[in-house]
Protein backbone atom coordinates (compact mmCIF):
# COMPACT_ATOMS: atom_id res chain seq x y z
CA MET A 1 38.05 259.77 8.44
CA ARG A 2 41.45 259.41 6.85
CA GLU A 3 44.34 257.02 7.39
CA TYR A 4 47.55 258.23 8.99
CA GLU A 5 50.90 256.81 10.01
CA THR A 6 52.85 258.20 12.93
CA LEU A 7 56.45 257.17 13.44
CA TYR A 8 57.91 258.19 16.78
CA VAL A 9 61.35 257.65 18.27
CA LEU A 10 61.89 257.05 21.98
CA HIS A 11 65.04 257.81 23.94
CA PRO A 12 67.30 254.71 23.81
CA GLU A 13 67.62 254.47 27.61
CA VAL A 14 63.87 254.21 28.23
CA PRO A 15 63.17 250.83 29.90
CA GLU A 16 60.93 248.33 28.12
CA ALA A 17 58.14 248.71 30.67
CA ARG A 18 58.07 252.46 30.04
CA GLN A 19 58.02 251.84 26.25
CA GLU A 20 54.91 249.71 26.71
CA GLU A 21 53.29 252.52 28.70
CA VAL A 22 53.97 255.01 25.91
CA LYS A 23 52.52 252.61 23.32
CA ALA A 24 49.42 252.13 25.49
CA ARG A 25 49.03 255.91 25.93
CA VAL A 26 49.25 256.45 22.16
CA ARG A 27 46.69 253.70 21.54
CA SER A 28 44.27 255.05 24.16
CA LEU A 29 44.70 258.64 22.94
CA ILE A 30 43.72 257.63 19.40
CA GLU A 31 40.73 255.58 20.54
CA GLU A 32 39.49 258.13 23.12
CA HIS A 33 39.20 260.80 20.43
CA GLY A 34 37.23 258.59 18.03
CA GLY A 35 40.08 257.13 15.99
CA GLU A 36 40.61 253.49 15.06
CA LEU A 37 44.00 251.82 15.51
CA LEU A 38 44.77 249.69 12.45
CA HIS A 39 48.33 248.53 13.02
CA SER A 40 51.10 249.01 15.55
CA GLU A 41 54.68 247.92 15.00
CA ALA A 42 57.91 248.21 17.00
CA TRP A 43 60.99 248.54 14.79
CA GLY A 44 63.40 248.28 17.71
CA LEU A 45 66.58 250.12 18.54
CA ARG A 46 68.13 251.70 15.44
CA GLU A 47 70.83 254.19 14.66
CA LEU A 48 69.65 257.72 13.96
CA ALA A 49 70.63 259.53 10.76
CA TYR A 50 72.04 262.35 12.89
CA PRO A 51 72.36 262.93 16.65
CA ILE A 52 69.20 264.13 18.40
CA GLN A 53 69.56 265.42 21.95
CA LYS A 54 73.10 264.00 21.95
CA GLN A 55 71.77 260.50 21.19
CA LYS A 56 72.95 258.37 18.27
CA LYS A 57 70.30 255.65 18.65
CA GLY A 58 66.59 255.55 19.28
CA PHE A 59 63.75 253.08 19.70
CA TYR A 60 61.40 253.35 16.69
CA LEU A 61 57.64 252.71 16.87
CA LEU A 62 55.13 252.95 14.00
CA VAL A 63 51.36 253.35 14.40
CA ARG A 64 48.82 253.26 11.55
CA TYR A 65 45.33 254.49 12.33
CA ARG A 66 42.14 255.94 10.87
CA ALA A 67 41.06 259.26 12.41
CA THR A 68 40.11 262.88 11.88
CA PRO A 69 42.76 265.61 11.59
CA LEU A 70 41.86 266.74 15.14
CA VAL A 71 43.06 263.40 16.51
CA THR A 72 46.43 263.74 14.80
CA GLY A 73 46.79 267.25 16.19
CA GLU A 74 46.07 266.03 19.72
CA LEU A 75 48.46 263.08 19.31
CA GLU A 76 51.26 265.34 18.08
CA ARG A 77 50.62 267.79 20.91
CA ASN A 78 51.07 264.98 23.43
CA LEU A 79 54.15 263.55 21.71
CA LYS A 80 55.80 266.99 22.03
CA ILE A 81 55.17 267.00 25.78
CA TRP A 82 56.33 263.47 26.64
CA ASP A 83 59.98 263.34 27.72
CA GLU A 84 60.52 259.82 26.33
CA VAL A 85 59.82 260.93 22.75
CA ILE A 86 62.79 262.54 20.99
CA ARG A 87 61.29 262.84 17.48
CA PHE A 88 58.07 262.03 15.59
CA ILE A 89 56.44 262.45 12.20
CA THR A 90 52.85 261.98 11.05
CA VAL A 91 51.94 261.29 7.42
CA ARG A 92 48.49 261.09 5.83
CA ILE A 93 48.15 258.08 3.54
CA PRO A 94 46.87 259.34 0.14
CA GLU A 95 43.69 257.81 -1.28
CA HIS A 96 45.40 256.44 -4.40
CA VAL A 97 47.84 254.48 -2.22
CA LEU A 98 44.97 252.97 -0.22
CA LYS A 99 43.20 251.93 -3.43
CA ARG A 100 46.38 250.35 -4.76
CA GLN A 101 46.84 248.40 -1.52
CA GLN A 102 43.25 247.18 -1.64
CA ARG A 103 43.70 245.96 -5.23
CA ALA A 104 46.92 244.16 -4.32
CA HIS A 105 45.13 242.19 -1.60
CA ALA A 106 41.96 241.46 -3.59
CA PRO A 107 41.70 238.06 -5.32
CA GLU A 108 41.98 238.16 -9.08
CA TRP A 109 39.15 236.76 -11.15
CA GLY A 110 39.74 233.29 -12.49
CA ARG A 111 42.73 232.57 -10.28
CA GLU A 112 40.96 230.97 -7.34
CA LYS A 113 42.36 227.63 -6.24
CA ASP A 114 39.00 225.90 -6.55
CA ALA A 115 38.19 227.18 -10.03
CA LEU A 116 37.64 224.52 -12.65
CA PRO A 117 39.33 224.85 -16.04
CA ILE A 118 37.08 225.95 -18.88
CA GLU A 119 36.64 223.18 -21.41
CA GLU A 120 36.50 224.08 -25.05
CA SER A 121 33.50 222.75 -26.90
CA VAL A 122 34.22 221.06 -30.20
CA ASN A 123 31.54 220.74 -32.89
CA PRO A 124 31.63 217.29 -34.60
């Protein structure tokens, strides 16, 4: 399985309760098809770079998950159908980026808080 990020934009007039329903549908769709949701984040109402469907603002939501390419295809198919979604994009996270992120979060040798300083031995 690979890691993906999907950023989708909801119509700005969608009520908050309906936004929660869309987020729950995305989460359940990923998990029903064998994917694993890693992170979900709401960016809030933001201005669009250009008008989409005569709208200048949209509610941005980001989802990061681990799944097969079939899951992303099914998710994108559903996002196209839902009226609340005005735009979306899915990106596969490359392996070298994942390795770099893992290294950034791994503790470095010799820099633990509880490590004792190495004493130099002196020959008399």
